[in-house]
N, C-alpha and C. Protein backbone atom coordinates (compact mmCIF):
# COMPACT_ATOMS: atom_id res chain seq x y z
N MET A 1 -18.75 -128.13 97.06
CA MET A 1 -19.85 -128.22 96.55
C MET A 1 -19.95 -128.61 95.17
N SER A 2 -20.61 -129.33 94.56
CA SER A 2 -20.49 -129.81 93.30
C SER A 2 -21.76 -129.26 92.61
N ASP A 3 -21.63 -128.95 91.32
CA ASP A 3 -22.49 -128.36 90.40
C ASP A 3 -23.18 -129.29 89.35
N THR A 4 -22.94 -130.49 89.94
CA THR A 4 -23.15 -131.81 89.07
C THR A 4 -24.69 -131.61 88.74
N THR A 5 -25.01 -131.85 87.13
CA THR A 5 -26.44 -131.95 86.74
C THR A 5 -26.65 -133.12 86.52
N GLU A 6 -28.03 -133.71 86.89
CA GLU A 6 -28.83 -135.12 86.37
C GLU A 6 -29.71 -134.47 85.20
N GLN A 7 -29.42 -134.94 84.11
CA GLN A 7 -30.40 -134.72 83.01
C GLN A 7 -31.53 -135.89 83.33
N PRO A 8 -32.70 -135.51 83.04
CA PRO A 8 -33.98 -136.29 83.36
C PRO A 8 -33.94 -137.34 81.99
N GLY A 9 -33.96 -138.32 82.58
CA GLY A 9 -33.85 -139.52 81.46
C GLY A 9 -32.63 -139.66 80.77
N GLY A 10 -31.31 -138.64 81.06
CA GLY A 10 -30.31 -138.61 80.28
C GLY A 10 -29.20 -139.21 81.12
N PRO A 11 -27.89 -139.07 80.55
CA PRO A 11 -26.79 -139.39 81.11
C PRO A 11 -26.31 -138.30 82.30
N HIS A 12 -25.39 -138.75 83.16
CA HIS A 12 -24.79 -137.81 83.99
C HIS A 12 -23.85 -137.14 83.43
N GLU A 13 -24.09 -135.70 83.74
CA GLU A 13 -22.85 -134.76 83.17
C GLU A 13 -22.15 -134.42 84.42
N PRO A 14 -20.95 -134.65 84.22
CA PRO A 14 -19.77 -134.07 85.51
C PRO A 14 -20.14 -132.46 85.71
N SER A 15 -19.85 -132.34 87.03
CA SER A 15 -19.48 -130.95 87.17
C SER A 15 -18.31 -130.25 86.35
N LEU A 16 -18.18 -129.13 86.44
CA LEU A 16 -16.99 -128.59 85.84
C LEU A 16 -15.64 -129.14 86.71
N ASP A 17 -15.79 -128.89 87.83
CA ASP A 17 -14.60 -129.56 88.85
C ASP A 17 -14.27 -130.91 88.34
N GLU A 18 -15.39 -131.79 88.41
CA GLU A 18 -15.01 -133.13 87.88
C GLU A 18 -14.65 -133.21 86.55
N GLN A 19 -15.03 -132.39 85.86
CA GLN A 19 -14.66 -132.60 84.27
C GLN A 19 -13.10 -132.08 84.05
N ILE A 20 -12.65 -131.15 84.80
CA ILE A 20 -11.38 -130.67 84.79
C ILE A 20 -10.37 -131.53 85.58
N ALA A 21 -10.79 -131.99 86.70
CA ALA A 21 -9.94 -133.14 87.36
C ALA A 21 -9.62 -134.23 86.53
N ALA A 22 -10.63 -134.80 85.82
CA ALA A 22 -10.52 -136.05 84.91
C ALA A 22 -9.63 -135.53 83.74
N TYR A 23 -9.80 -134.22 83.16
CA TYR A 23 -8.74 -133.98 82.05
C TYR A 23 -7.58 -133.91 82.52
N GLN A 24 -7.13 -133.30 83.90
CA GLN A 24 -5.91 -133.30 84.60
C GLN A 24 -5.28 -134.63 84.81
N ARG A 25 -6.27 -135.67 85.03
CA ARG A 25 -5.69 -136.70 85.41
C ARG A 25 -4.92 -137.45 84.18
N GLU A 26 -5.56 -137.27 82.90
CA GLU A 26 -5.57 -137.79 81.70
C GLU A 26 -4.32 -136.69 81.12
N PHE A 27 -4.45 -135.65 81.26
CA PHE A 27 -3.51 -134.74 80.68
C PHE A 27 -2.93 -133.82 81.48
N ARG A 28 -1.65 -133.98 81.90
CA ARG A 28 -1.22 -133.12 83.05
C ARG A 28 -0.71 -131.71 82.55
N ASP A 29 -0.64 -131.50 81.41
CA ASP A 29 -0.18 -130.23 80.82
C ASP A 29 -1.39 -129.17 80.87
N LEU A 30 -2.67 -129.64 81.17
CA LEU A 30 -3.91 -128.82 81.30
C LEU A 30 -3.87 -127.74 82.45
N ASP A 31 -4.13 -126.58 81.72
CA ASP A 31 -4.24 -125.30 82.68
C ASP A 31 -5.63 -125.31 83.24
N PRO A 32 -5.90 -125.43 84.36
CA PRO A 32 -7.14 -125.60 84.94
C PRO A 32 -7.98 -124.47 84.82
N GLN A 33 -7.24 -123.37 85.03
CA GLN A 33 -7.98 -121.98 84.73
C GLN A 33 -8.48 -121.66 83.46
N VAL A 34 -7.57 -122.10 82.57
CA VAL A 34 -8.05 -121.87 80.93
C VAL A 34 -9.26 -123.06 80.82
N GLU A 35 -9.10 -124.34 81.26
CA GLU A 35 -10.40 -125.18 80.90
C GLU A 35 -11.56 -124.63 81.74
N GLN A 36 -11.36 -124.24 82.87
CA GLN A 36 -12.57 -123.49 83.53
C GLN A 36 -13.37 -122.76 82.64
N VAL A 37 -12.77 -121.74 82.07
CA VAL A 37 -13.23 -120.65 81.46
C VAL A 37 -13.76 -121.46 79.96
N VAL A 38 -13.03 -121.99 79.42
CA VAL A 38 -13.42 -122.64 77.97
C VAL A 38 -14.88 -123.73 78.23
N SER A 39 -14.55 -124.40 79.01
CA SER A 39 -15.73 -125.22 79.43
C SER A 39 -17.02 -124.73 80.05
N ALA A 40 -16.91 -123.68 80.92
CA ALA A 40 -18.19 -122.81 81.24
C ALA A 40 -18.71 -122.16 80.18
N LEU A 41 -17.87 -121.68 79.21
CA LEU A 41 -18.35 -120.92 78.25
C LEU A 41 -19.11 -121.91 77.13
N GLY A 42 -18.71 -122.98 76.96
CA GLY A 42 -19.09 -124.05 75.99
C GLY A 42 -20.62 -124.51 76.70
N ARG A 43 -20.64 -124.72 77.97
CA ARG A 43 -21.90 -125.25 78.39
C ARG A 43 -22.73 -124.15 78.63
N LEU A 44 -22.43 -122.85 78.81
CA LEU A 44 -23.32 -121.81 78.76
C LEU A 44 -24.11 -121.44 77.50
N ASN A 45 -23.15 -121.93 76.41
CA ASN A 45 -23.58 -121.76 75.05
C ASN A 45 -24.44 -122.68 74.55
N ARG A 46 -24.21 -123.74 74.98
CA ARG A 46 -25.09 -125.08 74.67
C ARG A 46 -26.59 -124.91 75.44
N ARG A 47 -26.58 -124.47 76.69
CA ARG A 47 -27.76 -124.15 77.51
C ARG A 47 -28.67 -123.22 76.88
N MET A 48 -27.96 -122.20 76.51
CA MET A 48 -28.69 -120.76 75.80
C MET A 48 -29.16 -121.07 74.40
N ASN A 49 -28.46 -122.28 73.73
CA ASN A 49 -29.10 -122.39 72.42
C ASN A 49 -30.38 -123.27 72.62
N VAL A 50 -30.28 -124.20 73.49
CA VAL A 50 -31.62 -125.27 73.97
C VAL A 50 -32.75 -124.00 74.52
N ALA A 51 -32.31 -123.01 75.34
CA ALA A 51 -33.35 -121.91 75.54
C ALA A 51 -34.11 -121.56 74.44
N TYR A 52 -33.08 -120.88 73.58
CA TYR A 52 -33.70 -120.20 72.60
C TYR A 52 -34.21 -120.97 71.71
N GLY A 53 -34.03 -122.16 71.38
CA GLY A 53 -34.76 -123.09 70.64
C GLY A 53 -36.04 -123.38 71.18
N ARG A 54 -36.32 -123.33 72.43
CA ARG A 54 -37.54 -123.72 73.13
C ARG A 54 -38.39 -122.57 72.79
N GLN A 55 -37.78 -121.32 72.93
CA GLN A 55 -38.42 -120.14 72.96
C GLN A 55 -39.09 -120.18 71.57
N LEU A 56 -38.36 -120.22 70.31
CA LEU A 56 -38.72 -120.21 69.12
C LEU A 56 -39.70 -121.34 68.72
N ALA A 57 -39.60 -122.47 69.37
CA ALA A 57 -40.68 -123.35 68.99
C ALA A 57 -42.06 -123.10 69.67
N THR A 58 -42.08 -122.31 70.51
CA THR A 58 -43.45 -121.85 71.03
C THR A 58 -44.00 -120.75 69.95
N LEU A 59 -43.04 -120.38 69.04
CA LEU A 59 -43.64 -119.29 68.15
C LEU A 59 -43.72 -120.08 66.88
N GLY A 60 -43.49 -121.42 66.93
CA GLY A 60 -43.75 -122.11 65.48
C GLY A 60 -42.60 -121.92 64.53
N ILE A 61 -41.50 -121.46 64.84
CA ILE A 61 -40.11 -121.26 63.86
C ILE A 61 -39.04 -122.00 64.56
N SER A 62 -38.16 -122.40 63.72
CA SER A 62 -37.14 -123.40 63.94
C SER A 62 -35.87 -122.29 64.02
N ASN A 63 -34.79 -122.91 64.73
CA ASN A 63 -33.16 -122.11 64.75
C ASN A 63 -33.12 -121.33 63.33
N ALA A 64 -33.16 -122.64 62.34
CA ALA A 64 -32.86 -122.30 60.99
C ALA A 64 -33.68 -121.17 60.40
N GLU A 65 -34.98 -121.02 60.91
CA GLU A 65 -35.85 -120.06 60.21
C GLU A 65 -35.35 -118.89 60.89
N TRP A 66 -35.07 -118.81 62.16
CA TRP A 66 -34.80 -117.60 62.95
C TRP A 66 -33.63 -117.02 62.26
N GLU A 67 -32.40 -117.76 62.02
CA GLU A 67 -31.43 -117.24 61.39
C GLU A 67 -31.64 -116.54 60.05
N VAL A 68 -32.45 -116.95 59.24
CA VAL A 68 -32.96 -116.24 58.01
C VAL A 68 -33.61 -115.02 58.33
N LEU A 69 -34.56 -114.97 59.35
CA LEU A 69 -35.33 -113.76 59.38
C LEU A 69 -34.13 -112.69 60.22
N LYS A 70 -33.41 -113.13 61.00
CA LYS A 70 -32.37 -112.40 61.38
C LYS A 70 -31.56 -111.76 60.48
N THR A 71 -31.16 -112.77 59.80
CA THR A 71 -30.28 -111.96 58.60
C THR A 71 -30.88 -110.89 57.69
N LEU A 72 -32.20 -111.39 57.39
CA LEU A 72 -32.96 -110.29 56.46
C LEU A 72 -32.93 -108.95 57.25
N VAL A 73 -33.79 -109.10 58.86
CA VAL A 73 -33.70 -107.99 59.43
C VAL A 73 -32.45 -107.18 59.55
N LEU A 74 -31.15 -107.85 59.72
CA LEU A 74 -30.03 -106.94 59.81
C LEU A 74 -29.58 -106.34 58.45
N ALA A 75 -30.07 -106.60 57.32
CA ALA A 75 -29.95 -106.23 56.31
C ALA A 75 -30.52 -104.87 56.16
N GLY A 76 -31.64 -104.55 57.07
CA GLY A 76 -32.29 -103.39 56.92
C GLY A 76 -33.49 -103.25 56.09
N SER A 77 -34.22 -102.28 56.37
CA SER A 77 -35.55 -102.12 55.44
C SER A 77 -35.16 -101.96 54.29
N PRO A 78 -35.80 -102.53 53.27
CA PRO A 78 -37.05 -103.53 53.38
C PRO A 78 -36.89 -104.86 53.79
N TYR A 79 -35.84 -105.31 54.16
CA TYR A 79 -35.65 -106.61 54.94
C TYR A 79 -35.57 -107.62 53.69
N ARG A 80 -34.80 -107.38 52.78
CA ARG A 80 -34.79 -108.22 51.63
C ARG A 80 -33.64 -108.57 51.11
N LEU A 81 -33.13 -109.84 50.73
CA LEU A 81 -31.79 -110.14 49.95
C LEU A 81 -32.14 -111.09 48.94
N GLY A 82 -31.03 -111.32 48.15
CA GLY A 82 -31.29 -112.29 47.09
C GLY A 82 -30.87 -113.90 47.85
N PRO A 83 -31.23 -114.77 47.50
CA PRO A 83 -30.89 -116.15 48.11
C PRO A 83 -29.36 -116.49 48.16
N GLY A 84 -28.74 -116.00 47.02
CA GLY A 84 -27.20 -116.19 47.01
C GLY A 84 -26.41 -115.37 48.17
N GLU A 85 -26.92 -114.18 48.50
CA GLU A 85 -26.33 -113.48 49.51
C GLU A 85 -26.85 -114.12 50.90
N LEU A 86 -28.05 -114.44 50.99
CA LEU A 86 -28.63 -114.99 52.19
C LEU A 86 -27.57 -116.24 52.54
N ALA A 87 -27.31 -116.98 51.38
CA ALA A 87 -26.67 -118.38 51.68
C ALA A 87 -25.26 -117.94 52.34
N LYS A 88 -24.59 -117.06 51.44
CA LYS A 88 -23.18 -116.63 51.77
C LYS A 88 -23.24 -115.86 53.12
N ARG A 89 -24.01 -115.49 53.78
CA ARG A 89 -24.19 -114.71 55.15
C ARG A 89 -24.32 -115.94 56.17
N LEU A 90 -25.22 -117.04 55.81
CA LEU A 90 -25.48 -117.77 56.78
C LEU A 90 -24.63 -119.14 56.65
N GLY A 91 -23.57 -118.92 55.68
CA GLY A 91 -22.72 -120.08 55.62
C GLY A 91 -23.23 -121.49 55.04
N LEU A 92 -24.19 -121.36 54.12
CA LEU A 92 -24.87 -122.48 53.53
C LEU A 92 -24.88 -122.64 52.01
N THR A 93 -24.85 -123.83 51.77
CA THR A 93 -25.05 -124.15 50.38
C THR A 93 -26.26 -123.53 49.61
N PRO A 94 -26.26 -123.31 48.36
CA PRO A 94 -27.18 -122.63 47.61
C PRO A 94 -28.32 -123.60 47.63
N ALA A 95 -28.10 -124.81 47.63
CA ALA A 95 -29.34 -125.86 47.69
C ALA A 95 -30.00 -125.97 49.17
N ALA A 96 -29.26 -125.83 50.14
CA ALA A 96 -29.96 -125.92 51.44
C ALA A 96 -30.52 -124.48 51.63
N MET A 97 -30.03 -123.38 51.11
CA MET A 97 -31.03 -122.19 51.21
C MET A 97 -32.11 -122.16 50.41
N THR A 98 -32.20 -122.85 49.38
CA THR A 98 -33.42 -122.84 48.63
C THR A 98 -34.53 -123.62 49.08
N HIS A 99 -34.00 -124.75 49.92
CA HIS A 99 -34.81 -125.71 50.72
C HIS A 99 -35.38 -124.83 51.93
N ARG A 100 -34.69 -124.06 52.27
CA ARG A 100 -34.99 -123.36 53.47
C ARG A 100 -36.09 -122.21 53.16
N ILE A 101 -35.75 -121.40 51.89
CA ILE A 101 -36.60 -120.44 51.53
C ILE A 101 -38.05 -121.05 51.24
N ASP A 102 -37.91 -122.10 50.43
CA ASP A 102 -39.08 -122.73 50.32
C ASP A 102 -40.18 -123.07 51.12
N ARG A 103 -39.46 -123.52 52.31
CA ARG A 103 -40.11 -123.87 53.59
C ARG A 103 -40.87 -122.61 54.38
N MET A 104 -39.96 -121.67 54.22
CA MET A 104 -40.57 -120.40 54.90
C MET A 104 -41.36 -119.71 54.06
N ALA A 105 -41.27 -119.84 52.70
CA ALA A 105 -42.45 -119.01 52.02
C ALA A 105 -43.72 -119.85 52.19
N GLY A 106 -43.48 -121.33 52.38
CA GLY A 106 -44.83 -121.99 52.49
C GLY A 106 -45.49 -121.72 53.89
N GLU A 107 -44.62 -121.17 54.78
CA GLU A 107 -45.21 -120.89 56.25
C GLU A 107 -45.66 -119.51 56.30
N GLY A 108 -45.30 -118.55 55.16
CA GLY A 108 -45.74 -117.33 55.15
C GLY A 108 -44.78 -116.31 55.83
N LEU A 109 -43.61 -116.82 56.13
CA LEU A 109 -42.81 -115.84 56.74
C LEU A 109 -41.84 -115.17 55.74
N VAL A 110 -41.75 -115.52 54.69
CA VAL A 110 -40.88 -114.61 53.60
C VAL A 110 -41.69 -114.82 52.21
N THR A 111 -41.36 -113.90 51.39
CA THR A 111 -41.72 -114.20 50.10
C THR A 111 -40.60 -114.36 49.25
N ARG A 112 -40.84 -114.66 47.95
CA ARG A 112 -39.78 -114.87 47.01
C ARG A 112 -40.15 -114.35 45.76
N ASP A 113 -39.79 -113.36 45.17
CA ASP A 113 -40.28 -112.80 43.83
C ASP A 113 -39.17 -112.44 43.20
N ARG A 114 -39.57 -112.15 41.62
CA ARG A 114 -38.41 -111.50 40.87
C ARG A 114 -38.32 -110.12 41.05
N ASP A 115 -37.03 -109.78 40.93
CA ASP A 115 -36.50 -108.26 41.05
C ASP A 115 -37.31 -107.68 39.75
N GLU A 116 -37.89 -106.55 40.18
CA GLU A 116 -38.58 -105.50 39.22
C GLU A 116 -37.66 -104.97 38.36
N ASN A 117 -36.42 -104.99 38.57
CA ASN A 117 -35.51 -104.17 37.92
C ASN A 117 -34.46 -105.16 37.00
N ASN A 118 -34.66 -106.48 37.38
CA ASN A 118 -33.92 -107.57 36.89
C ASN A 118 -34.58 -108.69 36.93
N ARG A 119 -35.21 -109.26 36.05
CA ARG A 119 -36.16 -110.43 36.01
C ARG A 119 -35.57 -111.62 36.33
N VAL A 120 -34.06 -111.78 36.17
CA VAL A 120 -33.26 -112.91 36.36
C VAL A 120 -33.11 -113.26 37.76
N ARG A 121 -32.89 -111.88 38.57
CA ARG A 121 -32.63 -112.09 40.01
C ARG A 121 -34.04 -112.32 40.93
N VAL A 122 -33.73 -113.00 41.93
CA VAL A 122 -34.77 -113.44 42.71
C VAL A 122 -34.44 -112.71 44.20
N ILE A 123 -35.50 -112.10 44.75
CA ILE A 123 -35.53 -111.47 45.99
C ILE A 123 -36.43 -111.94 47.16
N VAL A 124 -35.71 -112.29 47.97
CA VAL A 124 -36.20 -112.76 49.46
C VAL A 124 -36.53 -111.69 50.35
N GLU A 125 -37.85 -111.71 50.76
CA GLU A 125 -38.05 -110.50 51.75
C GLU A 125 -39.07 -111.10 52.93
N VAL A 126 -38.91 -110.56 53.94
CA VAL A 126 -39.42 -110.85 55.43
C VAL A 126 -41.16 -110.34 55.11
N THR A 127 -41.88 -111.39 55.25
CA THR A 127 -43.62 -110.77 55.46
C THR A 127 -43.77 -110.16 56.82
N ASP A 128 -45.03 -109.63 57.05
CA ASP A 128 -45.45 -109.00 58.06
C ASP A 128 -45.38 -109.86 59.42
N GLU A 129 -45.87 -111.31 58.92
CA GLU A 129 -45.90 -112.59 59.65
C GLU A 129 -44.44 -112.75 60.11
N GLY A 130 -43.59 -112.75 59.31
CA GLY A 130 -42.34 -113.32 59.58
C GLY A 130 -41.61 -112.26 60.59
N ARG A 131 -41.98 -111.02 60.43
CA ARG A 131 -41.43 -109.76 61.34
C ARG A 131 -42.02 -109.94 62.70
N THR A 132 -43.36 -110.14 62.56
CA THR A 132 -44.15 -110.20 63.86
C THR A 132 -43.22 -111.30 64.71
N LYS A 133 -42.93 -112.49 64.10
CA LYS A 133 -42.34 -113.56 64.78
C LYS A 133 -41.10 -113.03 65.34
N TRP A 134 -40.29 -112.45 64.41
CA TRP A 134 -38.98 -112.14 64.75
C TRP A 134 -38.94 -111.17 66.02
N LEU A 135 -40.01 -110.03 65.91
CA LEU A 135 -40.12 -109.29 67.03
C LEU A 135 -40.40 -110.07 68.32
N GLU A 136 -41.46 -110.94 68.16
CA GLU A 136 -41.66 -111.69 69.35
C GLU A 136 -40.72 -112.58 70.10
N ALA A 137 -39.64 -113.10 69.16
CA ALA A 137 -38.59 -113.86 69.38
C ALA A 137 -37.69 -113.00 70.02
N MET A 138 -37.26 -111.74 69.63
CA MET A 138 -36.33 -110.79 70.29
C MET A 138 -37.10 -110.38 71.82
N ARG A 139 -38.24 -110.04 71.72
CA ARG A 139 -38.85 -109.79 73.23
C ARG A 139 -38.43 -111.10 74.17
N MET A 140 -38.76 -112.28 73.61
CA MET A 140 -38.50 -113.28 74.50
C MET A 140 -37.17 -113.70 74.80
N ALA A 141 -36.19 -113.33 74.09
CA ALA A 141 -34.61 -113.58 74.45
C ALA A 141 -34.17 -112.44 74.97
N THR A 142 -34.71 -111.18 75.12
CA THR A 142 -34.34 -109.84 75.82
C THR A 142 -34.82 -110.49 77.18
N ASP A 143 -36.07 -110.87 77.64
CA ASP A 143 -36.45 -111.30 78.95
C ASP A 143 -35.44 -112.32 79.28
N PHE A 144 -35.25 -113.25 78.67
CA PHE A 144 -34.25 -114.52 78.98
C PHE A 144 -32.85 -114.02 79.39
N GLU A 145 -32.47 -113.10 78.50
CA GLU A 145 -31.03 -112.65 78.83
C GLU A 145 -30.89 -111.52 79.96
N GLU A 146 -32.05 -110.79 80.17
CA GLU A 146 -32.00 -110.02 81.41
C GLU A 146 -31.89 -110.83 82.62
N ASP A 147 -32.80 -111.76 82.45
CA ASP A 147 -32.84 -112.76 83.57
C ASP A 147 -31.46 -113.45 83.70
N LEU A 148 -30.78 -113.94 82.66
CA LEU A 148 -29.71 -114.48 83.06
C LEU A 148 -28.59 -113.81 83.57
N LEU A 149 -28.50 -112.53 83.09
CA LEU A 149 -27.60 -111.50 83.71
C LEU A 149 -28.04 -110.84 85.07
N GLN A 150 -29.04 -111.10 85.70
CA GLN A 150 -29.59 -110.28 86.67
C GLN A 150 -28.62 -110.23 87.94
N ASP A 151 -27.89 -111.29 88.03
CA ASP A 151 -26.77 -111.22 89.32
C ASP A 151 -25.67 -110.62 89.20
N LEU A 152 -25.33 -110.04 87.73
CA LEU A 152 -24.27 -108.92 87.71
C LEU A 152 -24.54 -107.38 87.75
N THR A 153 -23.74 -106.57 88.19
CA THR A 153 -24.07 -105.22 88.13
C THR A 153 -23.71 -104.72 86.79
N ALA A 154 -24.16 -103.52 86.48
CA ALA A 154 -23.93 -102.80 85.18
C ALA A 154 -22.44 -103.02 84.73
N GLU A 155 -21.56 -102.54 85.87
CA GLU A 155 -20.09 -102.38 85.65
C GLU A 155 -19.61 -104.04 85.26
N GLU A 156 -20.11 -105.23 86.32
CA GLU A 156 -19.71 -106.53 85.89
C GLU A 156 -20.12 -106.82 84.28
N ARG A 157 -21.33 -106.57 84.00
CA ARG A 157 -21.69 -106.63 82.52
C ARG A 157 -20.94 -106.07 81.35
N GLY A 158 -20.57 -104.77 81.87
CA GLY A 158 -19.73 -104.23 80.88
C GLY A 158 -18.21 -104.89 80.76
N VAL A 159 -17.71 -105.11 81.97
CA VAL A 159 -16.39 -105.91 82.10
C VAL A 159 -16.50 -107.28 81.39
N LEU A 160 -17.48 -108.00 81.78
CA LEU A 160 -17.38 -109.48 81.00
C LEU A 160 -17.82 -109.09 79.50
N GLY A 161 -18.68 -108.22 79.02
CA GLY A 161 -18.80 -108.05 77.51
C GLY A 161 -17.71 -107.63 77.08
N ASN A 162 -16.78 -106.74 77.52
CA ASN A 162 -15.63 -106.41 76.95
C ASN A 162 -14.61 -107.49 76.86
N MET A 163 -14.37 -108.58 78.15
CA MET A 163 -13.45 -109.41 78.02
C MET A 163 -13.93 -110.58 76.87
N LEU A 164 -15.26 -110.84 76.92
CA LEU A 164 -16.04 -111.93 75.79
C LEU A 164 -15.48 -111.28 74.23
N ILE A 165 -15.47 -110.03 74.21
CA ILE A 165 -15.30 -109.23 72.81
C ILE A 165 -13.77 -109.58 72.56
N ARG A 166 -13.14 -109.35 73.45
CA ARG A 166 -11.54 -109.72 73.20
C ARG A 166 -11.38 -111.07 72.84
N LEU A 167 -11.89 -111.98 73.50
CA LEU A 167 -11.79 -113.58 73.18
C LEU A 167 -12.23 -113.58 71.80
N LEU A 168 -13.22 -113.09 71.21
CA LEU A 168 -13.91 -113.24 70.12
C LEU A 168 -12.96 -112.94 69.08
N ARG A 169 -12.47 -111.58 69.39
CA ARG A 169 -11.49 -110.97 68.39
C ARG A 169 -10.36 -111.96 68.18
N ARG A 170 -9.68 -112.54 69.16
CA ARG A 170 -8.75 -113.32 68.95
C ARG A 170 -9.10 -114.71 68.22
N VAL A 171 -10.22 -115.11 68.20
CA VAL A 171 -10.77 -116.22 67.60
C VAL A 171 -10.76 -115.75 66.22
N GLU A 172 -11.60 -114.79 65.90
CA GLU A 172 -11.99 -114.36 64.53
C GLU A 172 -10.56 -114.07 63.85
N HIS A 173 -9.49 -113.38 64.61
CA HIS A 173 -8.24 -113.17 64.15
C HIS A 173 -7.55 -114.56 63.53
N ALA A 174 -7.56 -115.47 64.45
CA ALA A 174 -6.92 -116.92 64.27
C ALA A 174 -7.45 -117.72 63.32
N GLN A 175 -8.99 -117.72 63.30
CA GLN A 175 -9.73 -118.58 62.50
C GLN A 175 -10.83 -117.48 61.43
N PRO A 176 -10.40 -116.72 60.61
CA PRO A 176 -11.20 -115.75 59.94
C PRO A 176 -12.06 -116.49 59.19
N ASP A 177 -12.37 -117.78 58.88
CA ASP A 177 -12.99 -118.46 58.06
C ASP A 177 -14.10 -119.32 58.97
N ALA A 178 -14.11 -119.07 60.33
CA ALA A 178 -14.72 -119.84 61.00
C ALA A 178 -16.37 -119.40 61.36
N GLY A 179 -16.54 -118.31 60.88
CA GLY A 179 -17.98 -117.67 60.86
C GLY A 179 -18.93 -118.42 60.38
N GLY A 180 -18.64 -119.11 59.45
CA GLY A 180 -19.76 -119.91 58.71
C GLY A 180 -19.78 -121.41 59.33
N ARG A 181 -21.04 -122.25 58.71
CA ARG A 181 -21.19 -123.49 59.25
C ARG A 181 -20.12 -124.40 58.66
N LEU A 182 -20.06 -125.48 59.31
CA LEU A 182 -19.28 -126.73 59.05
C LEU A 182 -20.17 -127.64 58.06
N THR A 183 -21.34 -127.80 58.40
CA THR A 183 -22.40 -128.26 57.59
C THR A 183 -23.68 -127.81 57.77
N ASP A 184 -24.62 -127.99 56.75
CA ASP A 184 -25.85 -127.32 56.82
C ASP A 184 -26.75 -127.85 58.01
N LEU A 185 -27.47 -127.06 58.26
CA LEU A 185 -28.34 -127.29 59.52
C LEU A 185 -29.49 -127.98 58.92
N ASP A 186 -29.97 -128.28 57.75
CA ASP A 186 -31.14 -128.47 57.63
C ASP A 186 -31.11 -129.31 56.26
C-alpha cells in the first residue's frame, strides 16, 4: 500500500517508500531505517508547520508574530523584554526585530516604551490583545496536537516523547549553534 499524496494543483510527492527506494537506487550506502525515521520527521514537521500557520492566519497573526508573542510569554509575567534580547532569543538581526516590533505595535499586539528606570532602554511588552491571540492560538494548537496523537496510548506518547528528546539532545550537542535561524523570516 502506498502513502503517495497528490497535492491539489501541485507536484506529485512520492510516498516515503518510493523516496527511500529512489535514494537507495542512487546511494547504495543508505540505511533505509534511518532514512524512514528522518524523512517521516521532516514531512511531519512541514505538515505541522502548515497546520499551525493556517490556525494563526485565522487569528490574523503570522508565524513570525506568534514567535515574538511566544518568546515574550515564555519570559514570564509581565511578558516583556528588550528588543535586543528578543532578537537574540529568536535568532534575528536587530533590524529584522525592529521591523517585526514596528508591525506588531501597529497591530496592537505589543507595546514599545522606554524603561522607566533607564530611559535609554526600550521595553517590548505583550498587550491584552496580543495575550488573547496567544491564548487562542494555544487552544487551537492543543486541539490539533491532541487529534494528532489520538491513536497513541499514554505509554506510547511517553516513549515517543522520550525518544524524540534523545534525538533533540544529540542534535543540540552536535550543533549547539543550530537553535537560531539561518536567515530572517521577514
